Amino acid sequence: MRFLMQRRGFDDLSEQEVLALAISSEEDDARIYRSYAERLRNEYPDTAKIFDGMAEEEDRHRASLIDLHRQRFGEVIPLIRREHVAGFYARKPVWLIQNLSLDRIRTEAEAMEQDAERFYLAAAKRTTDAGTRKLLGFLAAAEAGHHRAASGLEETHLDDTARETEDDMAKRRFLLTWVQPGLAGLMDGSVSTLAPIFATAFATQNTWTTFLVGLAASVGAGISMGFTEAASDDGQLSGRGSPVKRGIAAGVMTAVGGLGHALPYLIPHFWTATITAMVVVFVELWAIAWIQNRYMDTPFWRAAFQVVLGGALVFGAGALIGAG
């Protein structure tokens, strides 16, 4: 809180400080673009070239700003950064790019330039000093130039074939890292917990006991599935991505699949809870079929037949065992 109170408003900065802020911002953005390039170089080399070029463009603009500062104010540039100015646009921490998709990284880069341009234009409108207005207009034009330069670099390094190849690779990584483990977990949680939950329901006809069994089965299956998926493959050779991400996707969706038809047994009335659970199971199985069709290109009716048949067999086994 004390640090926030010590931050200065943009209107309180001198022309020299505004120029110094622009210089430090250009330096930070160049580093961010190089981090993007390094993150993408192995999997998306063409897009990495774009960010290398954008970083070089930022370096050239920073050099121009430094020359301008030298002409107007001398050699000593004040130390002022974004975090020192209240209301100044912020950049996301670089380490967050590890969790961003290719499209999100491209979008973030575009937003970086647009944010800077809008900020300088708005600041120019608020000032009454002709020299400051001219300076801020120059900075806004520089940011707009960055965006045009990025578009030119994209045309140079990223033709339609390269973009299609990288987009397909990004989609494949998303499917292998999140969709496939999550789908496997949802199927396991939805189907494997049917037998113990409905066996307990028909054996005891006690909704609270059934709920506890379902909760234990769902959480236990989720933990087991998550650790199994995370330990099965480190993703280095298979290209399936982070084992932690896959483990989270599989574990969470396994638990969700089981809890879906365990939660209805919080309803005290046995048959109301059981019929509700059956409806939930039906919805779960059709959702699995839809996901298989949408993301895994499995024909919908074939996926529905396989999932519904498997679920019906497991449900029937659980009901028979419980009734017996």
C-alpha atoms as a PDB file:
ATOM      1  CA  MET A   1       0.000   0.000   0.000  1.00  0.00           C
ATOM      2  CA  ARG A   2       2.852   2.379   0.864  1.00  0.00           C
ATOM      3  CA  PHE A   3       4.440   1.695  -2.544  1.00  0.00           C
ATOM      4  CA  LEU A   4       1.164   2.455  -4.344  1.00  0.00           C
ATOM      5  CA  MET A   5       0.884   5.790  -2.527  1.00  0.00           C
ATOM      6  CA  GLN A   6       4.408   6.713  -3.671  1.00  0.00           C
ATOM      7  CA  ARG A   7       3.650   6.131  -7.362  1.00  0.00           C
ATOM      8  CA  ARG A   8       3.416   9.306  -9.419  1.00  0.00           C
ATOM      9  CA  GLY A   9       0.639  10.250 -11.767  1.00  0.00           C
ATOM     10  CA  PHE A  10       1.407  10.482 -15.448  1.00  0.00           C
ATOM     11  CA  ASP A  11       0.327  14.134 -15.509  1.00  0.00           C
ATOM     12  CA  ASP A  12       2.992  14.896 -12.896  1.00  0.00           C
ATOM     13  CA  LEU A  13       5.873  13.714 -15.091  1.00  0.00           C
ATOM     14  CA  SER A  14       8.099  16.143 -16.904  1.00  0.00           C
ATOM     15  CA  GLU A  15       8.794  15.815 -20.612  1.00  0.00           C
ATOM     16  CA  GLN A  16      12.183  14.308 -19.810  1.00  0.00           C
ATOM     17  CA  GLU A  17      10.600  11.750 -17.484  1.00  0.00           C
ATOM     18  CA  VAL A  18       7.988  10.822 -20.102  1.00  0.00           C
ATOM     19  CA  LEU A  19      10.752  10.237 -22.614  1.00  0.00           C
ATOM     20  CA  ALA A  20      12.721   8.201 -20.058  1.00  0.00           C
ATOM     21  CA  LEU A  21       9.589   6.143 -19.376  1.00  0.00           C
ATOM     22  CA  ALA A  22       9.203   5.466 -23.083  1.00  0.00           C
ATOM     23  CA  ILE A  23      12.841   4.362 -23.341  1.00  0.00           C
ATOM     24  CA  SER A  24      12.521   1.898 -20.455  1.00  0.00           C
ATOM     25  CA  SER A  25       9.202   0.614 -21.865  1.00  0.00           C
ATOM     26  CA  GLU A  26      10.771  -0.049 -25.261  1.00  0.00           C
ATOM     27  CA  GLU A  27      13.578  -1.963 -23.558  1.00  0.00           C
ATOM     28  CA  ASP A  28      11.120  -4.080 -21.554  1.00  0.00           C
ATOM     29  CA  ASP A  29       9.010  -4.859 -24.627  1.00  0.00           C
ATOM     30  CA  ALA A  30      12.094  -5.960 -26.570  1.00  0.00           C
ATOM     31  CA  ARG A  31      12.916  -8.397 -23.760  1.00  0.00           C
ATOM     32  CA  ILE A  32       9.350  -9.712 -23.735  1.00  0.00           C
ATOM     33  CA  TYR A  33       9.414 -10.321 -27.495  1.00  0.00           C
ATOM     34  CA  ARG A  34      12.719 -12.159 -27.193  1.00  0.00           C
ATOM     35  CA  SER A  35      11.209 -14.301 -24.437  1.00  0.00           C
ATOM     36  CA  TYR A  36       8.282 -15.101 -26.737  1.00  0.00           C
ATOM     37  CA  ALA A  37      10.688 -16.037 -29.506  1.00  0.00           C
ATOM     38  CA  GLU A  38      12.730 -18.299 -27.243  1.00  0.00           C
ATOM     39  CA  ARG A  39       9.575 -19.982 -25.934  1.00  0.00           C
ATOM     40  CA  LEU A  40       8.301 -20.699 -29.468  1.00  0.00           C
ATOM     41  CA  ARG A  41      11.535 -21.393 -31.338  1.00  0.00           C
ATOM     42  CA  ASN A  42      11.515 -25.195 -31.177  1.00  0.00           C
ATOM     43  CA  GLU A  43       7.856 -25.761 -32.025  1.00  0.00           C
ATOM     44  CA  TYR A  44       6.962 -22.650 -34.050  1.00  0.00           C
ATOM     45  CA  PRO A  45      10.166 -21.374 -35.683  1.00  0.00           C
ATOM     46  CA  ASP A  46       8.409 -19.097 -38.181  1.00  0.00           C
ATOM     47  CA  THR A  47       6.506 -17.242 -35.482  1.00  0.00           C
ATOM     48  CA  ALA A  48       9.725 -17.058 -33.429  1.00  0.00           C
ATOM     49  CA  LYS A  49      11.336 -15.187 -36.335  1.00  0.00           C
ATOM     50  CA  ILE A  50       8.520 -12.640 -36.193  1.00  0.00           C
ATOM     51  CA  PHE A  51       9.157 -11.942 -32.520  1.00  0.00           C
ATOM     52  CA  ASP A  52      12.914 -11.745 -33.140  1.00  0.00           C
ATOM     53  CA  GLY A  53      12.180  -9.088 -35.755  1.00  0.00           C
ATOM     54  CA  MET A  54       9.806  -7.225 -33.434  1.00  0.00           C
ATOM     55  CA  ALA A  55      12.444  -7.187 -30.703  1.00  0.00           C
ATOM     56  CA  GLU A  56      14.954  -5.707 -33.156  1.00  0.00           C
ATOM     57  CA  GLU A  57      12.346  -3.102 -34.134  1.00  0.00           C
ATOM     58  CA  GLU A  58      11.898  -2.153 -30.475  1.00  0.00           C
ATOM     59  CA  ASP A  59      15.678  -1.811 -30.153  1.00  0.00           C
ATOM     60  CA  ARG A  60      15.773   0.602 -33.105  1.00  0.00           C
ATOM     61  CA  HIS A  61      12.952   2.707 -31.673  1.00  0.00           C
ATOM     62  CA  ARG A  62      14.659   2.772 -28.286  1.00  0.00           C
ATOM     63  CA  ALA A  63      17.847   3.966 -29.945  1.00  0.00           C
ATOM     64  CA  SER A  64      15.895   6.750 -31.678  1.00  0.00           C
ATOM     65  CA  LEU A  65      14.315   7.777 -28.374  1.00  0.00           C
ATOM     66  CA  ILE A  66      17.713   7.832 -26.690  1.00  0.00           C
ATOM     67  CA  ASP A  67      19.036  10.081 -29.477  1.00  0.00           C
ATOM     68  CA  LEU A  68      16.052  12.386 -28.968  1.00  0.00           C
ATOM     69  CA  HIS A  69      16.693  12.485 -25.221  1.00  0.00           C
ATOM     70  CA  ARG A  70      20.383  13.263 -25.811  1.00  0.00           C
ATOM     71  CA  GLN A  71      19.467  16.185 -28.101  1.00  0.00           C
ATOM     72  CA  ARG A  72      16.905  17.705 -25.703  1.00  0.00           C
ATOM     73  CA  PHE A  73      18.081  16.782 -22.206  1.00  0.00           C
ATOM     74  CA  GLY A  74      21.600  15.391 -22.318  1.00  0.00           C
ATOM     75  CA  GLU A  75      23.203  12.049 -21.573  1.00  0.00           C
ATOM     76  CA  VAL A  76      21.736  11.192 -18.160  1.00  0.00           C
ATOM     77  CA  ILE A  77      18.396   9.374 -18.500  1.00  0.00           C
ATOM     78  CA  PRO A  78      16.223   9.359 -15.344  1.00  0.00           C
ATOM     79  CA  LEU A  79      15.404   5.928 -13.930  1.00  0.00           C
ATOM     80  CA  ILE A  80      11.633   5.580 -14.287  1.00  0.00           C
ATOM     81  CA  ARG A  81       9.670   2.482 -15.232  1.00  0.00           C
ATOM     82  CA  ARG A  82       6.045   1.484 -15.734  1.00  0.00           C
ATOM     83  CA  GLU A  83       5.581   0.363 -12.151  1.00  0.00           C
ATOM     84  CA  HIS A  84       6.597   3.835 -10.924  1.00  0.00           C
ATOM     85  CA  VAL A  85       3.640   5.534 -12.651  1.00  0.00           C
ATOM     86  CA  ALA A  86       0.061   5.231 -11.451  1.00  0.00           C
ATOM     87  CA  GLY A  87      -2.363   4.208 -14.188  1.00  0.00           C
ATOM     88  CA  PHE A  88       0.329   3.294 -16.688  1.00  0.00           C
ATOM     89  CA  TYR A  89      -0.392   0.184 -18.754  1.00  0.00           C
ATOM     90  CA  ALA A  90       1.127  -2.994 -17.337  1.00  0.00           C
ATOM     91  CA  ARG A  91       2.593  -6.056 -18.990  1.00  0.00           C
ATOM     92  CA  LYS A  92       1.847  -9.595 -17.871  1.00  0.00           C
ATOM     93  CA  PRO A  93       4.780 -11.385 -16.183  1.00  0.00           C
ATOM     94  CA  VAL A  94       6.872 -13.174 -18.795  1.00  0.00           C
ATOM     95  CA  TRP A  95       6.594 -16.533 -17.026  1.00  0.00           C
ATOM     96  CA  LEU A  96       2.865 -16.587 -17.788  1.00  0.00           C
ATOM     97  CA  ILE A  97       3.611 -17.259 -21.454  1.00  0.00           C
ATOM     98  CA  GLN A  98       4.376 -20.847 -20.478  1.00  0.00           C
ATOM     99  CA  ASN A  99       0.612 -21.329 -20.117  1.00  0.00           C
ATOM    100  CA  LEU A 100      -0.475 -19.377 -23.201  1.00  0.00           C
ATOM    101  CA  SER A 101      -1.451 -20.907 -26.518  1.00  0.00           C
ATOM    102  CA  LEU A 102       0.141 -19.798 -29.786  1.00  0.00           C
ATOM    103  CA  ASP A 103      -2.870 -17.657 -30.699  1.00  0.00           C
ATOM    104  CA  ARG A 104      -2.911 -16.060 -27.244  1.00  0.00           C
ATOM    105  CA  ILE A 105       0.769 -15.138 -27.522  1.00  0.00           C
ATOM    106  CA  ARG A 106       0.127 -13.523 -30.911  1.00  0.00           C
ATOM    107  CA  THR A 107      -2.848 -11.667 -29.449  1.00  0.00           C
ATOM    108  CA  GLU A 108      -0.842 -10.527 -26.433  1.00  0.00           C
ATOM    109  CA  ALA A 109       1.858  -9.104 -28.707  1.00  0.00           C
ATOM    110  CA  GLU A 110      -0.697  -7.176 -30.745  1.00  0.00           C
ATOM    111  CA  ALA A 111      -2.342  -5.870 -27.571  1.00  0.00           C
ATOM    112  CA  MET A 112       1.035  -4.677 -26.273  1.00  0.00           C
ATOM    113  CA  GLU A 113       1.449  -2.305 -29.217  1.00  0.00           C
ATOM    114  CA  GLN A 114      -2.166  -1.150 -29.189  1.00  0.00           C
ATOM    115  CA  ASP A 115      -2.114  -0.450 -25.431  1.00  0.00           C
ATOM    116  CA  ALA A 116       0.976   1.692 -25.754  1.00  0.00           C
ATOM    117  CA  GLU A 117      -0.399   3.609 -28.741  1.00  0.00           C
ATOM    118  CA  ARG A 118      -3.740   4.321 -27.020  1.00  0.00           C
ATOM    119  CA  PHE A 119      -2.016   5.424 -23.834  1.00  0.00           C
ATOM    120  CA  TYR A 120       0.232   7.942 -25.560  1.00  0.00           C
ATOM    121  CA  LEU A 121      -2.638   9.333 -27.639  1.00  0.00           C
ATOM    122  CA  ALA A 122      -4.826   9.773 -24.547  1.00  0.00           C
ATOM    123  CA  ALA A 123      -1.956  11.397 -22.677  1.00  0.00           C
ATOM    124  CA  ALA A 124      -1.336  13.797 -25.577  1.00  0.00           C
ATOM    125  CA  LYS A 125      -4.967  14.961 -25.452  1.00  0.00           C
ATOM    126  CA  ARG A 126      -4.706  15.794 -21.735  1.00  0.00           C
ATOM    127  CA  THR A 127      -1.639  18.021 -21.935  1.00  0.00           C
ATOM    128  CA  THR A 128      -1.719  21.730 -22.747  1.00  0.00           C
ATOM    129  CA  ASP A 129       2.019  22.046 -23.300  1.00  0.00           C
ATOM    130  CA  ALA A 130       2.884  22.120 -26.995  1.00  0.00           C
ATOM    131  CA  GLY A 131       6.250  20.453 -26.483  1.00  0.00           C
ATOM    132  CA  THR A 132       4.781  17.624 -24.427  1.00  0.00           C
ATOM    133  CA  ARG A 133       1.960  17.146 -26.932  1.00  0.00           C
ATOM    134  CA  LYS A 134       4.468  16.853 -29.748  1.00  0.00           C
ATOM    135  CA  LEU A 135       6.540  14.361 -27.778  1.00  0.00           C
ATOM    136  CA  LEU A 136       3.552  12.160 -26.910  1.00  0.00           C
ATOM    137  CA  GLY A 137       2.343  12.265 -30.510  1.00  0.00           C
ATOM    138  CA  PHE A 138       5.752  11.051 -31.603  1.00  0.00           C
ATOM    139  CA  LEU A 139       5.566   8.162 -29.154  1.00  0.00           C
ATOM    140  CA  ALA A 140       2.068   7.200 -30.344  1.00  0.00           C
ATOM    141  CA  ALA A 141       3.259   7.223 -33.950  1.00  0.00           C
ATOM    142  CA  ALA A 142       6.207   5.037 -32.973  1.00  0.00           C
ATOM    143  CA  GLU A 143       3.883   2.466 -31.401  1.00  0.00           C
ATOM    144  CA  ALA A 144       1.649   2.470 -34.482  1.00  0.00           C
ATOM    145  CA  GLY A 145       4.787   1.953 -36.531  1.00  0.00           C
ATOM    146  CA  HIS A 146       5.627  -1.084 -34.399  1.00  0.00           C
ATOM    147  CA  HIS A 147       2.283  -2.649 -35.299  1.00  0.00           C
ATOM    148  CA  ARG A 148       2.765  -2.016 -39.016  1.00  0.00           C
ATOM    149  CA  ALA A 149       6.288  -3.410 -38.803  1.00  0.00           C
ATOM    150  CA  ALA A 150       4.944  -6.537 -37.089  1.00  0.00           C
ATOM    151  CA  SER A 151       2.444  -7.013 -39.905  1.00  0.00           C
ATOM    152  CA  GLY A 152       5.251  -6.730 -42.455  1.00  0.00           C
ATOM    153  CA  LEU A 153       7.392  -9.219 -40.564  1.00  0.00           C
ATOM    154  CA  GLU A 154       4.448 -11.625 -40.415  1.00  0.00           C
ATOM    155  CA  GLU A 155       4.028 -11.438 -44.189  1.00  0.00           C
ATOM    156  CA  THR A 156       7.768 -12.095 -44.595  1.00  0.00           C
ATOM    157  CA  HIS A 157       8.187 -15.010 -42.174  1.00  0.00           C
ATOM    158  CA  LEU A 158       4.709 -16.502 -41.837  1.00  0.00           C
ATOM    159  CA  ASP A 159       3.043 -17.411 -45.121  1.00  0.00           C
ATOM    160  CA  ASP A 160      -0.257 -19.291 -45.280  1.00  0.00           C
ATOM    161  CA  THR A 161       1.432 -22.689 -45.282  1.00  0.00           C
ATOM    162  CA  ALA A 162       3.625 -21.898 -42.287  1.00  0.00           C
ATOM    163  CA  ARG A 163       0.690 -20.433 -40.330  1.00  0.00           C
ATOM    164  CA  GLU A 164      -1.473 -23.448 -41.110  1.00  0.00           C
ATOM    165  CA  THR A 165       1.299 -25.809 -40.030  1.00  0.00           C
ATOM    166  CA  GLU A 166       1.853 -23.967 -36.754  1.00  0.00           C
ATOM    167  CA  ASP A 167      -1.876 -23.681 -36.059  1.00  0.00           C
ATOM    168  CA  ASP A 168      -2.291 -27.424 -36.636  1.00  0.00           C
ATOM    169  CA  MET A 169       0.619 -28.103 -34.290  1.00  0.00           C
ATOM    170  CA  ALA A 170      -0.892 -25.838 -31.624  1.00  0.00           C
ATOM    171  CA  LYS A 171      -4.257 -27.588 -31.964  1.00  0.00           C
ATOM    172  CA  ARG A 172      -2.590 -30.986 -31.710  1.00  0.00           C
ATOM    173  CA  ARG A 173      -0.712 -29.924 -28.562  1.00  0.00           C
ATOM    174  CA  PHE A 174      -3.965 -28.643 -27.011  1.00  0.00           C
ATOM    175  CA  LEU A 175      -5.709 -31.918 -27.797  1.00  0.00           C
ATOM    176  CA  LEU A 176      -2.884 -34.069 -26.439  1.00  0.00           C
ATOM    177  CA  THR A 177      -2.291 -31.988 -23.319  1.00  0.00           C
ATOM    178  CA  TRP A 178      -5.823 -31.102 -22.233  1.00  0.00           C
ATOM    179  CA  VAL A 179      -8.605 -32.702 -24.268  1.00  0.00           C
ATOM    180  CA  GLN A 180      -7.397 -36.297 -24.495  1.00  0.00           C
ATOM    181  CA  PRO A 181      -6.468 -36.699 -20.783  1.00  0.00           C
ATOM    182  CA  GLY A 182      -9.584 -34.795 -19.737  1.00  0.00           C
ATOM    183  CA  LEU A 183     -11.799 -36.941 -21.937  1.00  0.00           C
ATOM    184  CA  ALA A 184     -10.203 -40.134 -20.620  1.00  0.00           C
ATOM    185  CA  GLY A 185     -10.748 -38.885 -17.075  1.00  0.00           C
ATOM    186  CA  LEU A 186     -14.375 -37.937 -17.722  1.00  0.00           C
ATOM    187  CA  MET A 187     -15.070 -41.340 -19.256  1.00  0.00           C
ATOM    188  CA  ASP A 188     -13.359 -43.153 -16.388  1.00  0.00           C
ATOM    189  CA  GLY A 189     -15.089 -41.078 -13.734  1.00  0.00           C
ATOM    190  CA  SER A 190     -18.510 -41.271 -15.346  1.00  0.00           C
ATOM    191  CA  VAL A 191     -18.466 -44.980 -16.150  1.00  0.00           C
ATOM    192  CA  SER A 192     -16.273 -46.669 -13.528  1.00  0.00           C
ATOM    193  CA  THR A 193     -18.084 -45.089 -10.578  1.00  0.00           C
ATOM    194  CA  LEU A 194     -21.516 -46.176 -11.819  1.00  0.00           C
ATOM    195  CA  ALA A 195     -21.219 -49.687 -10.380  1.00  0.00           C
ATOM    196  CA  PRO A 196     -20.182 -48.809  -6.796  1.00  0.00           C
ATOM    197  CA  ILE A 197     -22.586 -45.863  -6.548  1.00  0.00           C
ATOM    198  CA  PHE A 198     -25.688 -47.641  -7.812  1.00  0.00           C
ATOM    199  CA  ALA A 199     -24.759 -50.916  -6.095  1.00  0.00           C
ATOM    200  CA  THR A 200     -24.626 -49.020  -2.804  1.00  0.00           C
ATOM    201  CA  ALA A 201     -27.846 -47.182  -3.633  1.00  0.00           C
ATOM    202  CA  PHE A 202     -29.897 -50.296  -4.322  1.00  0.00           C
ATOM    203  CA  ALA A 203     -28.265 -52.312  -1.534  1.00  0.00           C
ATOM    204  CA  THR A 204     -28.840 -49.740   1.227  1.00  0.00           C
ATOM    205  CA  GLN A 205     -31.456 -47.365  -0.190  1.00  0.00           C
ATOM    206  CA  ASN A 206     -29.755 -44.805   2.044  1.00  0.00           C
ATOM    207  CA  THR A 207     -29.015 -41.598   0.145  1.00  0.00           C
ATOM    208  CA  TRP A 208     -26.373 -40.275   2.565  1.00  0.00           C
ATOM    209  CA  THR A 209     -24.408 -43.524   2.543  1.00  0.00           C
ATOM    210  CA  THR A 210     -24.632 -43.619  -1.243  1.00  0.00           C
ATOM    211  CA  PHE A 211     -23.361 -40.052  -1.451  1.00  0.00           C
ATOM    212  CA  LEU A 212     -20.379 -40.816   0.792  1.00  0.00           C
ATOM    213  CA  VAL A 213     -19.482 -43.885  -1.278  1.00  0.00           C
ATOM    214  CA  GLY A 214     -19.811 -41.836  -4.485  1.00  0.00           C
ATOM    215  CA  LEU A 215     -17.720 -39.001  -3.052  1.00  0.00           C
ATOM    216  CA  ALA A 216     -14.982 -41.380  -1.951  1.00  0.00           C
ATOM    217  CA  ALA A 217     -15.017 -43.252  -5.263  1.00  0.00           C
ATOM    218  CA  SER A 218     -14.902 -40.024  -7.303  1.00  0.00           C
ATOM    219  CA  VAL A 219     -12.150 -38.305  -5.333  1.00  0.00           C
ATOM    220  CA  GLY A 220     -10.101 -41.493  -5.068  1.00  0.00           C
ATOM    221  CA  ALA A 221     -10.448 -42.177  -8.788  1.00  0.00           C
ATOM    222  CA  GLY A 222      -9.516 -38.577  -9.573  1.00  0.00           C
ATOM    223  CA  ILE A 223      -6.344 -38.714  -7.495  1.00  0.00           C
ATOM    224  CA  SER A 224      -5.374 -42.088  -8.937  1.00  0.00           C
ATOM    225  CA  MET A 225      -6.093 -41.066 -12.523  1.00  0.00           C
ATOM    226  CA  GLY A 226      -4.230 -37.779 -12.129  1.00  0.00           C
ATOM    227  CA  PHE A 227      -1.072 -39.354 -10.758  1.00  0.00           C
ATOM    228  CA  THR A 228      -1.217 -42.175 -13.295  1.00  0.00           C
ATOM    229  CA  GLU A 229      -1.468 -39.769 -16.229  1.00  0.00           C
ATOM    230  CA  ALA A 230       1.288 -37.507 -14.893  1.00  0.00           C
ATOM    231  CA  ALA A 231       3.661 -40.434 -14.296  1.00  0.00           C
ATOM    232  CA  SER A 232       2.942 -42.266 -17.537  1.00  0.00           C
ATOM    233  CA  ASP A 233       4.774 -39.915 -19.898  1.00  0.00           C
ATOM    234  CA  ASP A 234       6.963 -36.848 -19.397  1.00  0.00           C
ATOM    235  CA  GLY A 235       5.869 -35.518 -22.789  1.00  0.00           C
ATOM    236  CA  GLN A 236       9.401 -34.985 -24.100  1.00  0.00           C
ATOM    237  CA  LEU A 237       9.325 -37.641 -26.814  1.00  0.00           C
ATOM    238  CA  SER A 238       5.593 -38.025 -27.360  1.00  0.00           C
ATOM    239  CA  GLY A 239       4.935 -34.294 -27.614  1.00  0.00           C
ATOM    240  CA  ARG A 240       1.944 -34.609 -25.278  1.00  0.00           C
ATOM    241  CA  GLY A 241       2.955 -31.593 -23.232  1.00  0.00           C
ATOM    242  CA  SER A 242       3.451 -31.032 -19.531  1.00  0.00           C
ATOM    243  CA  PRO A 243       2.724 -34.102 -17.371  1.00  0.00           C
ATOM    244  CA  VAL A 244       1.426 -31.789 -14.643  1.00  0.00           C
ATOM    245  CA  LYS A 245      -1.156 -30.252 -16.974  1.00  0.00           C
ATOM    246  CA  ARG A 246      -2.214 -33.663 -18.255  1.00  0.00           C
ATOM    247  CA  GLY A 247      -2.457 -34.997 -14.711  1.00  0.00           C
ATOM    248  CA  ILE A 248      -4.607 -32.063 -13.641  1.00  0.00           C
ATOM    249  CA  ALA A 249      -6.903 -32.469 -16.655  1.00  0.00           C
ATOM    250  CA  ALA A 250      -7.312 -36.205 -16.108  1.00  0.00           C
ATOM    251  CA  GLY A 251      -7.689 -36.003 -12.332  1.00  0.00           C
ATOM    252  CA  VAL A 252     -10.173 -33.136 -12.242  1.00  0.00           C
ATOM    253  CA  MET A 253     -12.367 -34.525 -14.999  1.00  0.00           C
ATOM    254  CA  THR A 254     -12.362 -38.006 -13.404  1.00  0.00           C
ATOM    255  CA  ALA A 255     -13.611 -36.531 -10.141  1.00  0.00           C
ATOM    256  CA  VAL A 256     -16.181 -34.400 -11.962  1.00  0.00           C
ATOM    257  CA  GLY A 257     -17.463 -37.407 -13.883  1.00  0.00           C
ATOM    258  CA  GLY A 258     -18.063 -39.374 -10.694  1.00  0.00           C
ATOM    259  CA  LEU A 259     -19.430 -36.503  -8.632  1.00  0.00           C
ATOM    260  CA  GLY A 260     -22.001 -35.757 -11.306  1.00  0.00           C
ATOM    261  CA  HIS A 261     -24.137 -38.737 -10.346  1.00  0.00           C
ATOM    262  CA  ALA A 262     -23.049 -38.815  -6.674  1.00  0.00           C
ATOM    263  CA  LEU A 263     -24.310 -35.327  -5.813  1.00  0.00           C
ATOM    264  CA  PRO A 264     -27.991 -36.136  -6.511  1.00  0.00           C
ATOM    265  CA  TYR A 265     -27.876 -38.439  -3.474  1.00  0.00           C
ATOM    266  CA  LEU A 266     -27.763 -35.365  -1.271  1.00  0.00           C
ATOM    267  CA  ILE A 267     -31.508 -35.397  -1.953  1.00  0.00           C
ATOM    268  CA  PRO A 268     -33.077 -37.248   1.016  1.00  0.00           C
ATOM    269  CA  HIS A 269     -35.772 -39.067  -1.003  1.00  0.00           C
ATOM    270  CA  PHE A 270     -34.236 -42.250  -2.458  1.00  0.00           C
ATOM    271  CA  TRP A 271     -36.157 -42.570  -5.726  1.00  0.00           C
ATOM    272  CA  THR A 272     -35.997 -38.832  -6.472  1.00  0.00           C
ATOM    273  CA  ALA A 273     -32.226 -38.944  -5.964  1.00  0.00           C
ATOM    274  CA  THR A 274     -31.853 -42.115  -8.034  1.00  0.00           C
ATOM    275  CA  ILE A 275     -33.910 -40.852 -10.978  1.00  0.00           C
ATOM    276  CA  THR A 276     -31.996 -37.547 -10.897  1.00  0.00           C
ATOM    277  CA  ALA A 277     -28.694 -39.452 -10.874  1.00  0.00           C
ATOM    278  CA  MET A 278     -29.841 -41.511 -13.875  1.00  0.00           C
ATOM    279  CA  VAL A 279     -30.668 -38.326 -15.787  1.00  0.00           C
ATOM    280  CA  VAL A 280     -27.237 -36.926 -14.913  1.00  0.00           C
ATOM    281  CA  VAL A 281     -25.593 -40.133 -16.150  1.00  0.00           C
ATOM    282  CA  PHE A 282     -27.474 -39.830 -19.431  1.00  0.00           C
ATOM    283  CA  VAL A 283     -26.289 -36.228 -19.856  1.00  0.00           C
ATOM    284  CA  GLU A 284     -22.703 -37.189 -18.979  1.00  0.00           C
ATOM    285  CA  LEU A 285     -22.585 -39.993 -21.517  1.00  0.00           C
ATOM    286  CA  TRP A 286     -23.950 -37.816 -24.297  1.00  0.00           C
ATOM    287  CA  ALA A 287     -21.489 -35.064 -23.353  1.00  0.00           C
ATOM    288  CA  ILE A 288     -18.640 -37.565 -23.715  1.00  0.00           C
ATOM    289  CA  ALA A 289     -19.932 -38.576 -27.130  1.00  0.00           C
ATOM    290  CA  TRP A 290     -20.138 -34.916 -28.174  1.00  0.00           C
ATOM    291  CA  ILE A 291     -16.559 -34.219 -27.029  1.00  0.00           C
ATOM    292  CA  GLN A 292     -15.303 -37.266 -28.926  1.00  0.00           C
ATOM    293  CA  ASN A 293     -17.072 -36.051 -32.039  1.00  0.00           C
ATOM    294  CA  ARG A 294     -16.032 -32.408 -31.627  1.00  0.00           C
ATOM    295  CA  TYR A 295     -12.362 -32.820 -30.772  1.00  0.00           C
ATOM    296  CA  MET A 296     -11.376 -36.377 -31.661  1.00  0.00           C
ATOM    297  CA  ASP A 297     -13.261 -36.598 -34.997  1.00  0.00           C
ATOM    298  CA  THR A 298     -15.129 -39.722 -33.897  1.00  0.00           C
ATOM    299  CA  PRO A 299     -18.468 -40.147 -35.728  1.00  0.00           C
ATOM    300  CA  PHE A 300     -21.107 -38.986 -33.240  1.00  0.00           C
ATOM    301  CA  TRP A 301     -23.427 -41.977 -33.387  1.00  0.00           C
ATOM    302  CA  ARG A 302     -20.551 -44.445 -33.121  1.00  0.00           C
ATOM    303  CA  ALA A 303     -19.187 -42.581 -30.113  1.00  0.00           C
ATOM    304  CA  ALA A 304     -22.663 -42.407 -28.573  1.00  0.00           C
ATOM    305  CA  PHE A 305     -23.247 -46.128 -29.109  1.00  0.00           C
ATOM    306  CA  GLN A 306     -19.927 -47.089 -27.528  1.00  0.00           C
ATOM    307  CA  VAL A 307     -20.274 -44.794 -24.513  1.00  0.00           C
ATOM    308  CA  VAL A 308     -23.950 -45.458 -23.849  1.00  0.00           C
ATOM    309  CA  LEU A 309     -23.509 -49.216 -24.250  1.00  0.00           C
ATOM    310  CA  GLY A 310     -20.545 -49.277 -21.871  1.00  0.00           C
ATOM    311  CA  GLY A 311     -22.339 -47.083 -19.355  1.00  0.00           C
ATOM    312  CA  ALA A 312     -25.494 -49.196 -19.527  1.00  0.00           C
ATOM    313  CA  LEU A 313     -23.541 -52.402 -18.902  1.00  0.00           C
ATOM    314  CA  VAL A 314     -21.727 -50.951 -15.889  1.00  0.00           C
ATOM    315  CA  PHE A 315     -24.937 -49.445 -14.508  1.00  0.00           C
ATOM    316  CA  GLY A 316     -26.751 -52.736 -14.961  1.00  0.00           C
ATOM    317  CA  ALA A 317     -23.977 -54.623 -13.178  1.00  0.00           C
ATOM    318  CA  GLY A 318     -24.051 -52.217 -10.260  1.00  0.00           C
ATOM    319  CA  ALA A 319     -27.835 -52.301  -9.983  1.00  0.00           C
ATOM    320  CA  LEU A 320     -27.971 -56.109 -10.104  1.00  0.00           C
ATOM    321  CA  ILE A 321     -25.217 -56.510  -7.533  1.00  0.00           C
ATOM    322  CA  GLY A 322     -26.876 -53.993  -5.232  1.00  0.00           C
ATOM    323  CA  ALA A 323     -30.353 -55.484  -5.610  1.00  0.00           C
ATOM    324  CA  GLY A 324     -29.048 -59.001  -5.006  1.00  0.00           C
END
